[in-house]
């Protein structure tokens, strides 16, 4: 039994007041000709239903009492021979504990009826033009009955404003799943470190990650893995993963798996040869110190921005000390000169989506961290070859990223099993 999904629907109904919510799951996407991309359900839809098949719509009405209706594909033995198992409406109603279930083929008949005399409708406004058009078509069908005394919803609300706030605070079952995903990803990073040797292709190391993901039960990567050697580590979203790894270079890996709808997100940077050079060590220790300072600021009551401020202070001072920037720490931050070497934020929300939902500011103020929030902590330093930069640091790119759950006492780093101290990394790779 999965009572948390019933509870979420109840909480949504309470937040809506009187009205009706209509959510559709993600459609299947054609890759080319007769082949599809691997299917992945819509996060909002799954969050409320646990239903993973395509071609489905979830309806939640609140008056006189909360009621959940699922529309899904029919049970079809012949199609199951080709495409696999389907629940069908009867199986879905029993398995997913909804009040009613109907064939998705009845959507255009049932939805206008369900919208009748509702004061408000909630859906993902603007999320998909085709879905917008379909909902508006149903509403117009209801409006056409005005002479018979039927009223259409007078208000249209974006349901994401409610669901984003709900999803921002993870419940115990979500955190447990995320810990499992983090553990799988941690083992994958360790495997990649142990396998890496000069002369390998980046995609060979990527294959080690993917092998461990699937071997451990994860359904897929949570995002396209970044396996970036040497100068490629200075490309923030590098995904070609086809270069040859060279002795003396660093390798930056940003990769995480998705398990049962929840993402993990880890970055580690280590030497292809197994030993850090002096300049590499200088940059790496600076980023590691910045991450430690940022992690210390992840605790209830602090602002979202506090970890970033802590990391930036350490990095800016380090850039001055290493001769990458001129001036004082404060002047480098005020002028933005540090952005030549550190141009992104120190983290993001993490959950069902790798860059998960939830506002970072409310009313122009950075929001306060609360227990149950999950975020990444990922400072970095990227030094491209440039005449104005000390040559010993050229082509060094370092990022260190961990996943943190905000707890009552502070934080739980759920990706801590991956080595990140220099001595630990060198010992692991030597073994």
Protein backbone atom coordinates (compact mmCIF):
# COMPACT_ATOMS: atom_id res chain seq x y z
CA UNK A 1 0.00 0.00 0.00
CA UNK A 2 1.23 3.51 -0.81
CA UNK A 3 -0.82 5.77 1.42
CA UNK A 4 1.46 8.76 0.77
CA UNK A 5 -0.08 9.21 -2.70
CA UNK A 6 -3.60 9.31 -1.26
CA UNK A 7 -2.38 11.79 1.34
CA UNK A 8 -0.85 14.02 -1.35
CA UNK A 9 -4.09 14.11 -3.29
CA UNK A 10 -5.91 15.02 -0.09
CA UNK A 11 -3.46 17.86 0.61
CA UNK A 12 -3.85 19.13 -2.94
CA UNK A 13 -7.65 19.13 -2.61
CA UNK A 14 -7.43 21.09 0.64
CA UNK A 15 -5.13 23.67 -0.96
CA UNK A 16 -7.45 24.05 -3.96
CA UNK A 17 -10.64 24.59 -2.02
CA UNK A 18 -13.62 24.05 -4.30
CA UNK A 19 -12.67 23.09 -7.84
CA UNK A 20 -11.28 20.42 -10.10
CA UNK A 21 -7.71 19.47 -11.01
CA UNK A 22 -6.85 17.87 -14.34
CA UNK A 23 -3.36 16.50 -14.94
CA UNK A 24 -2.04 14.53 -17.87
CA UNK A 25 1.07 12.41 -17.93
CA UNK A 26 3.86 12.83 -20.47
CA UNK A 27 3.21 11.56 -24.00
CA UNK A 28 5.42 9.05 -25.75
CA UNK A 29 7.99 10.72 -28.01
CA UNK A 30 9.09 9.40 -31.39
CA UNK A 31 12.86 9.12 -31.70
CA UNK A 32 12.90 8.24 -35.39
CA UNK A 33 10.67 6.26 -37.72
CA UNK A 34 9.16 3.39 -35.66
CA UNK A 35 11.36 3.87 -32.58
CA UNK A 36 10.45 5.86 -29.47
CA UNK A 37 12.56 7.51 -26.84
CA UNK A 38 12.55 5.53 -23.58
CA UNK A 39 9.32 6.51 -21.87
CA UNK A 40 9.37 8.62 -18.72
CA UNK A 41 6.15 9.71 -17.00
CA UNK A 42 5.38 13.31 -16.01
CA UNK A 43 6.72 14.10 -12.53
CA UNK A 44 3.60 15.90 -11.27
CA UNK A 45 1.36 13.09 -12.49
CA UNK A 46 3.49 10.39 -10.86
CA UNK A 47 3.79 12.39 -7.63
CA UNK A 48 0.01 12.17 -7.19
CA UNK A 49 -0.73 8.77 -8.72
CA UNK A 50 2.30 6.40 -8.85
CA UNK A 51 0.97 5.45 -12.31
CA UNK A 52 3.69 4.96 -14.93
CA UNK A 53 1.85 4.18 -18.19
CA UNK A 54 1.49 6.75 -20.99
CA UNK A 55 -1.88 8.02 -22.28
CA UNK A 56 -3.37 8.80 -18.88
CA UNK A 57 -5.22 11.67 -17.20
CA UNK A 58 -5.77 12.19 -13.47
CA UNK A 59 -8.79 14.17 -12.23
CA UNK A 60 -9.25 15.32 -8.63
CA UNK A 61 -12.51 16.97 -7.57
CA UNK A 62 -13.07 18.47 -4.14
CA UNK A 63 -16.83 18.95 -3.72
CA UNK A 64 -18.62 17.55 -1.80
CA UNK A 65 -15.57 15.38 -0.87
CA UNK A 66 -12.22 14.72 -2.55
CA UNK A 67 -12.59 12.19 -5.37
CA UNK A 68 -9.90 10.83 -7.71
CA UNK A 69 -10.61 9.62 -11.23
CA UNK A 70 -8.01 8.00 -13.48
CA UNK A 71 -8.37 7.68 -17.23
CA UNK A 72 -5.93 5.20 -18.78
CA UNK A 73 -5.45 2.80 -21.68
CA UNK A 74 -7.80 -0.12 -22.03
CA UNK A 75 -6.71 -3.63 -21.13
CA UNK A 76 -5.69 -5.07 -24.52
CA UNK A 77 -4.19 -8.56 -24.64
CA UNK A 78 -3.16 -8.22 -28.28
CA UNK A 79 -1.25 -4.97 -27.64
CA UNK A 80 0.33 -6.53 -24.56
CA UNK A 81 1.88 -9.17 -26.83
CA UNK A 82 3.70 -6.36 -28.63
CA UNK A 83 4.23 -3.70 -25.98
CA UNK A 84 3.91 -5.32 -22.55
CA UNK A 85 1.52 -5.31 -19.63
CA UNK A 86 -1.31 -2.80 -19.21
CA UNK A 87 -3.35 -2.32 -16.06
CA UNK A 88 -6.54 -1.25 -17.77
CA UNK A 89 -9.18 0.74 -15.86
CA UNK A 90 -10.22 -2.10 -13.55
CA UNK A 91 -6.66 -3.05 -12.62
CA UNK A 92 -5.65 0.58 -12.19
CA UNK A 93 -8.57 1.35 -9.88
CA UNK A 94 -7.64 -1.52 -7.57
CA UNK A 95 -3.86 -1.14 -7.69
CA UNK A 96 -3.61 2.64 -7.41
CA UNK A 97 -6.49 3.19 -4.98
CA UNK A 98 -8.46 5.69 -7.02
CA UNK A 99 -12.20 6.17 -6.69
CA UNK A 100 -12.97 5.65 -10.37
CA UNK A 101 -11.09 4.56 -13.47
CA UNK A 102 -12.21 4.82 -17.09
CA UNK A 103 -10.85 4.33 -20.56
CA UNK A 104 -8.78 7.21 -21.91
CA UNK A 105 -10.91 6.97 -25.05
CA UNK A 106 -13.74 8.49 -23.00
CA UNK A 107 -11.78 11.63 -22.07
CA UNK A 108 -13.56 13.98 -24.48
CA UNK A 109 -16.91 12.75 -23.21
CA UNK A 110 -16.18 12.62 -19.48
CA UNK A 111 -14.03 15.72 -18.91
CA UNK A 112 -16.64 18.28 -20.02
CA UNK A 113 -19.15 16.57 -17.71
CA UNK A 114 -16.72 16.70 -14.79
CA UNK A 115 -15.99 20.38 -15.46
CA UNK A 116 -19.67 21.33 -15.31
CA UNK A 117 -20.62 23.65 -12.42
CA UNK A 118 -17.10 23.65 -11.01
CA UNK A 119 -16.02 27.11 -9.76
CA UNK A 120 -12.36 26.67 -10.74
CA UNK A 121 -10.10 24.39 -12.79
CA UNK A 122 -6.45 23.69 -11.98
CA UNK A 123 -4.00 22.36 -14.56
CA UNK A 124 -0.50 23.03 -15.94
CA UNK A 125 -1.33 26.29 -17.69
CA UNK A 126 1.10 26.82 -20.57
CA UNK A 127 2.88 23.54 -19.93
CA UNK A 128 2.05 22.21 -23.39
CA UNK A 129 0.19 24.03 -26.19
CA UNK A 130 -1.66 20.89 -27.29
CA UNK A 131 -2.85 20.22 -23.73
CA UNK A 132 -3.88 23.87 -23.31
CA UNK A 133 -5.94 23.60 -26.47
CA UNK A 134 -7.62 20.42 -25.32
CA UNK A 135 -8.59 21.80 -21.90
CA UNK A 136 -9.91 24.99 -23.47
CA UNK A 137 -11.95 22.86 -25.88
CA UNK A 138 -13.56 21.06 -22.95
CA UNK A 139 -14.27 24.37 -21.24
CA UNK A 140 -15.88 25.75 -24.39
CA UNK A 141 -18.03 22.65 -24.56
CA UNK A 142 -19.30 23.39 -21.07
CA UNK A 143 -19.86 27.08 -21.89
CA UNK A 144 -22.04 26.03 -24.81
CA UNK A 145 -24.54 24.62 -22.31
CA UNK A 146 -25.08 27.97 -20.57
CA UNK A 147 -28.74 28.23 -21.71
CA UNK A 148 -29.53 24.97 -19.93
CA UNK A 149 -28.24 26.39 -16.65
CA UNK A 150 -24.81 24.73 -16.73
CA UNK A 151 -21.87 26.91 -15.68
CA UNK A 152 -18.23 26.58 -16.63
CA UNK A 153 -15.32 27.23 -14.24
CA UNK A 154 -14.91 30.97 -13.88
CA UNK A 155 -11.31 30.67 -12.71
CA UNK A 156 -8.30 28.93 -14.25
CA UNK A 157 -5.27 28.32 -12.01
CA UNK A 158 -1.83 26.91 -12.66
CA UNK A 159 -1.71 23.82 -10.46
CA UNK A 160 2.09 23.97 -10.33
CA UNK A 161 1.96 26.83 -7.83
CA UNK A 162 0.50 24.37 -5.30
CA UNK A 163 2.37 21.22 -6.31
CA UNK A 164 5.77 22.91 -6.43
CA UNK A 165 5.45 23.85 -2.77
CA UNK A 166 4.30 20.35 -1.88
CA UNK A 167 7.16 18.71 -3.76
CA UNK A 168 9.76 21.03 -2.24
CA UNK A 169 9.42 19.34 1.18
CA UNK A 170 10.15 15.62 0.79
CA UNK A 171 8.38 13.06 2.96
CA UNK A 172 10.11 10.07 4.55
CA UNK A 173 9.43 7.73 1.63
CA UNK A 174 10.84 10.22 -0.86
CA UNK A 175 13.99 10.75 1.18
CA UNK A 176 14.47 6.99 1.52
CA UNK A 177 14.25 6.58 -2.25
CA UNK A 178 16.69 9.45 -2.79
CA UNK A 179 19.15 7.88 -0.37
CA UNK A 180 19.00 4.64 -2.35
CA UNK A 181 19.54 6.54 -5.61
CA UNK A 182 22.49 8.36 -4.05
CA UNK A 183 23.99 5.06 -2.93
CA UNK A 184 23.77 3.61 -6.43
CA UNK A 185 25.35 6.72 -7.93
CA UNK A 186 28.09 6.67 -5.31
CA UNK A 187 29.03 3.12 -6.26
CA UNK A 188 29.03 4.12 -9.92
CA UNK A 189 31.45 6.99 -9.30
CA UNK A 190 33.76 4.73 -7.32
CA UNK A 191 33.66 2.17 -10.13
CA UNK A 192 34.52 4.91 -12.65
CA UNK A 193 37.48 6.10 -10.58
CA UNK A 194 38.83 2.58 -10.30
CA UNK A 195 38.44 1.93 -14.03
CA UNK A 196 39.96 5.18 -15.36
CA UNK A 197 43.34 4.92 -17.08
CA UNK A 198 45.22 7.10 -19.59
CA UNK A 199 44.29 6.24 -23.16
CA UNK A 200 40.67 5.38 -22.43
CA UNK A 201 37.85 7.20 -24.17
CA UNK A 202 35.52 9.31 -22.06
CA UNK A 203 32.61 7.15 -23.20
CA UNK A 204 34.33 4.03 -21.85
CA UNK A 205 34.24 5.60 -18.39
CA UNK A 206 30.62 6.63 -18.99
CA UNK A 207 29.84 2.97 -19.73
CA UNK A 208 31.11 2.02 -16.26
CA UNK A 209 28.63 4.49 -14.74
CA UNK A 210 25.70 3.22 -16.81
CA UNK A 211 26.57 -0.40 -16.01
CA UNK A 212 26.44 0.25 -12.28
CA UNK A 213 23.21 2.25 -12.57
CA UNK A 214 21.32 -0.57 -14.27
CA UNK A 215 23.07 -3.35 -12.37
CA UNK A 216 21.80 -1.80 -9.14
CA UNK A 217 18.22 -1.38 -10.30
CA UNK A 218 18.10 2.27 -11.37
CA UNK A 219 15.86 2.82 -14.38
CA UNK A 220 18.05 5.39 -16.15
CA UNK A 221 20.48 8.27 -15.71
CA UNK A 222 18.76 11.27 -14.12
CA UNK A 223 20.36 13.45 -16.83
CA UNK A 224 22.95 13.12 -19.57
CA UNK A 225 26.23 12.19 -17.90
CA UNK A 226 29.16 14.59 -18.16
CA UNK A 227 32.51 12.77 -18.50
CA UNK A 228 34.97 15.54 -19.29
CA UNK A 229 38.73 15.11 -19.43
CA UNK A 230 41.34 17.88 -19.55
CA UNK A 231 40.05 21.10 -21.16
CA UNK A 232 36.59 19.56 -21.60
CA UNK A 233 36.14 19.91 -17.83
CA UNK A 234 35.97 23.68 -18.39
CA UNK A 235 32.79 23.22 -20.48
CA UNK A 236 29.99 23.23 -17.92
CA UNK A 237 27.50 21.07 -19.84
CA UNK A 238 29.93 18.99 -21.90
CA UNK A 239 28.19 15.79 -23.07
CA UNK A 240 30.10 14.63 -26.16
CA UNK A 241 32.10 12.22 -23.99
CA UNK A 242 34.25 11.07 -26.92
CA UNK A 243 37.76 12.42 -26.24
CA UNK A 244 40.79 10.37 -25.25
CA UNK A 245 41.89 10.68 -21.62
CA UNK A 246 45.48 11.83 -21.27
CA UNK A 247 48.07 11.23 -18.59
CA UNK A 248 48.38 14.42 -16.54
CA UNK A 249 44.79 15.57 -17.11
CA UNK A 250 41.94 15.77 -14.64
CA UNK A 251 38.65 14.00 -15.32
CA UNK A 252 35.41 15.66 -14.18
CA UNK A 253 32.40 13.35 -13.92
CA UNK A 254 28.93 14.78 -13.25
CA UNK A 255 26.50 11.86 -13.21
CA UNK A 256 23.61 10.45 -11.23
CA UNK A 257 20.94 7.82 -11.63
CA UNK A 258 17.17 8.00 -11.41
CA UNK A 259 15.48 5.47 -9.15
CA UNK A 260 11.69 5.11 -9.02
CA UNK A 261 11.21 8.65 -10.25
CA UNK A 262 13.84 10.37 -8.06
CA UNK A 263 17.19 11.82 -9.10
CA UNK A 264 20.65 11.82 -7.63
CA UNK A 265 23.40 14.22 -8.71
CA UNK A 266 27.10 13.79 -7.94
CA UNK A 267 30.23 15.41 -9.33
CA UNK A 268 33.77 14.28 -8.66
CA UNK A 269 37.04 15.42 -10.24
CA UNK A 270 40.15 13.26 -10.13
CA UNK A 271 43.46 12.76 -11.99
CA UNK A 272 43.47 10.35 -14.94
CA UNK A 273 46.90 9.11 -13.82
CA UNK A 274 45.83 8.67 -10.21
CA UNK A 275 48.04 11.48 -8.85
CA UNK A 276 47.28 15.20 -8.60
CA UNK A 277 49.92 17.61 -9.88
CA UNK A 278 50.82 20.65 -7.76
CA UNK A 279 48.62 23.15 -9.63
CA UNK A 280 45.76 20.64 -9.80
CA UNK A 281 46.06 20.11 -6.06
CA UNK A 282 45.94 23.88 -5.43
CA UNK A 283 42.70 24.31 -7.39
CA UNK A 284 41.14 21.15 -6.03
CA UNK A 285 41.82 21.99 -2.38
CA UNK A 286 40.36 25.46 -2.93
CA UNK A 287 37.11 24.03 -4.35
CA UNK A 288 36.95 21.40 -1.61
CA UNK A 289 37.32 24.11 1.06
CA UNK A 290 34.58 26.14 -0.63
CA UNK A 291 32.28 23.14 -0.63
CA UNK A 292 32.95 22.44 3.05
CA UNK A 293 32.09 26.03 3.93
CA UNK A 294 28.90 25.85 1.87
CA UNK A 295 27.81 22.53 3.40
CA UNK A 296 28.22 24.02 6.86
CA UNK A 297 25.59 26.62 5.93
CA UNK A 298 22.98 24.01 4.95
CA UNK A 299 20.77 23.97 8.04
CA UNK A 300 17.24 24.96 9.06
CA UNK A 301 16.69 28.68 9.42
CA UNK A 302 19.45 29.72 7.03
CA UNK A 303 18.66 31.36 3.72
CA UNK A 304 18.96 29.49 0.43
CA UNK A 305 21.72 31.90 -0.54
CA UNK A 306 23.90 31.27 2.54
CA UNK A 307 25.76 28.23 1.12
CA UNK A 308 26.52 30.14 -2.09
CA UNK A 309 27.81 33.16 -0.16
CA UNK A 310 30.07 30.94 1.95
CA UNK A 311 31.51 29.15 -1.09
CA UNK A 312 32.00 32.38 -3.01
CA UNK A 313 33.94 34.01 -0.18
CA UNK A 314 36.39 31.09 -0.10
CA UNK A 315 36.73 30.91 -3.88
CA UNK A 316 37.24 34.65 -4.38
CA UNK A 317 39.97 34.77 -1.75
CA UNK A 318 41.58 31.72 -3.32
CA UNK A 319 41.52 33.27 -6.78
CA UNK A 320 43.38 36.26 -5.38
CA UNK A 321 45.91 34.10 -3.52
CA UNK A 322 46.62 31.97 -6.61
CA UNK A 323 47.03 34.98 -8.89
CA UNK A 324 43.92 34.28 -10.96
CA UNK A 325 42.26 37.56 -9.88
CA UNK A 326 43.71 40.89 -8.77
CA UNK A 327 42.51 42.94 -5.83
CA UNK A 328 40.88 41.98 -2.57
CA UNK A 329 38.28 39.30 -1.98
CA UNK A 330 35.52 41.87 -1.62
CA UNK A 331 36.54 43.82 -4.72
CA UNK A 332 36.68 40.64 -6.80
CA UNK A 333 33.16 39.73 -5.67
CA UNK A 334 31.80 43.25 -6.13
CA UNK A 335 33.24 43.61 -9.64
CA UNK A 336 32.25 40.08 -10.68
CA UNK A 337 35.82 39.27 -11.77
CA UNK A 338 35.48 35.86 -10.12
CA UNK A 339 32.93 34.86 -12.78
CA UNK A 340 35.74 34.22 -15.24
CA UNK A 341 36.53 31.12 -13.17
CA UNK A 342 33.26 30.43 -11.33
CA UNK A 343 30.18 31.34 -13.31
CA UNK A 344 27.36 29.26 -11.81
CA UNK A 345 25.46 28.98 -8.56
CA UNK A 346 26.49 26.65 -5.73
CA UNK A 347 23.44 24.41 -5.90
CA UNK A 348 19.85 23.70 -6.90
CA UNK A 349 16.82 21.84 -5.58
CA UNK A 350 16.86 18.08 -6.16
CA UNK A 351 13.98 15.63 -6.27
CA UNK A 352 11.92 14.02 -9.01
CA UNK A 353 13.63 16.36 -11.46
CA UNK A 354 17.37 16.86 -11.25
CA UNK A 355 16.75 20.61 -11.24
CA UNK A 356 13.68 20.21 -9.09
CA UNK A 357 10.69 22.47 -8.65
CA UNK A 358 10.34 25.19 -6.04
CA UNK A 359 10.98 28.92 -5.88
CA UNK A 360 14.34 30.12 -4.63
CA UNK A 361 12.88 33.48 -3.60
CA UNK A 362 9.49 34.39 -2.18
CA UNK A 363 8.45 38.02 -2.36
CA UNK A 364 11.96 39.00 -3.42
CA UNK A 365 13.53 37.35 -0.35
CA UNK A 366 15.69 34.21 -0.42
CA UNK A 367 13.62 31.45 1.08
CA UNK A 368 14.49 29.80 4.36
CA UNK A 369 15.82 26.25 4.45
CA UNK A 370 13.49 23.78 6.15
CA UNK A 371 13.77 20.10 7.11
CA UNK A 372 12.81 17.89 4.18
CA UNK A 373 14.29 20.14 1.51
CA UNK A 374 16.95 18.48 -0.66
CA UNK A 375 19.61 20.45 -2.51
CA UNK A 376 22.97 20.03 -4.18
CA UNK A 377 26.17 21.76 -3.05
CA UNK A 378 28.51 22.12 -6.02
CA UNK A 379 31.13 24.89 -6.19
CA UNK A 380 33.71 24.77 -8.96
CA UNK A 381 36.64 26.43 -10.67
CA UNK A 382 37.29 26.39 -14.42
CA UNK A 383 40.51 27.81 -15.82
CA UNK A 384 40.69 28.02 -19.59
CA UNK A 385 43.92 28.64 -21.46
CA UNK A 386 44.31 32.43 -21.56
CA UNK A 387 47.28 34.77 -21.79
CA UNK A 388 46.17 36.62 -18.68
CA UNK A 389 46.11 33.48 -16.55
CA UNK A 390 49.13 31.69 -15.02
CA UNK A 391 49.95 28.89 -17.48
CA UNK A 392 50.34 26.25 -14.76
CA UNK A 393 46.57 26.39 -14.19
CA UNK A 394 45.51 26.15 -17.85
CA UNK A 395 42.81 23.59 -18.68
CA UNK A 396 42.12 22.72 -15.05
CA UNK A 397 38.41 22.30 -14.36
CA UNK A 398 37.22 21.14 -10.93
CA UNK A 399 33.72 20.71 -9.55
CA UNK A 400 32.75 18.79 -6.40
CA UNK A 401 29.06 18.11 -5.85
CA UNK A 402 27.09 16.36 -3.13
CA UNK A 403 23.40 15.98 -2.30
CA UNK A 404 22.19 17.32 1.05
CA UNK A 405 18.94 16.67 2.90
CA UNK A 406 18.06 19.43 5.36
CA UNK A 407 17.35 17.85 8.76
CA UNK A 408 16.22 19.15 12.13
CA UNK A 409 19.84 19.19 13.33
CA UNK A 410 21.52 20.45 10.13
CA UNK A 411 22.03 18.31 7.07
CA UNK A 412 22.56 14.74 5.92
CA UNK A 413 25.01 14.36 3.02
CA UNK A 414 23.54 11.33 1.28
CA UNK A 415 26.36 11.10 -1.30
CA UNK A 416 29.19 11.02 1.25
CA UNK A 417 30.30 7.50 0.25
CA UNK A 418 32.21 8.81 -2.78
CA UNK A 419 35.78 9.80 -1.82
CA UNK A 420 36.65 13.47 -2.30
CA UNK A 421 39.72 14.06 -0.13
CA UNK A 422 42.89 13.99 -2.25
CA UNK A 423 44.49 11.19 -0.23
CA UNK A 424 41.32 9.08 -0.44
CA UNK A 425 41.09 9.49 -4.20
CA UNK A 426 44.73 8.68 -4.82
CA UNK A 427 44.54 5.62 -2.57
CA UNK A 428 41.37 4.36 -4.28
CA UNK A 429 42.84 4.76 -7.76
CA UNK A 430 46.14 3.13 -6.75
CA UNK A 431 44.23 0.10 -5.46
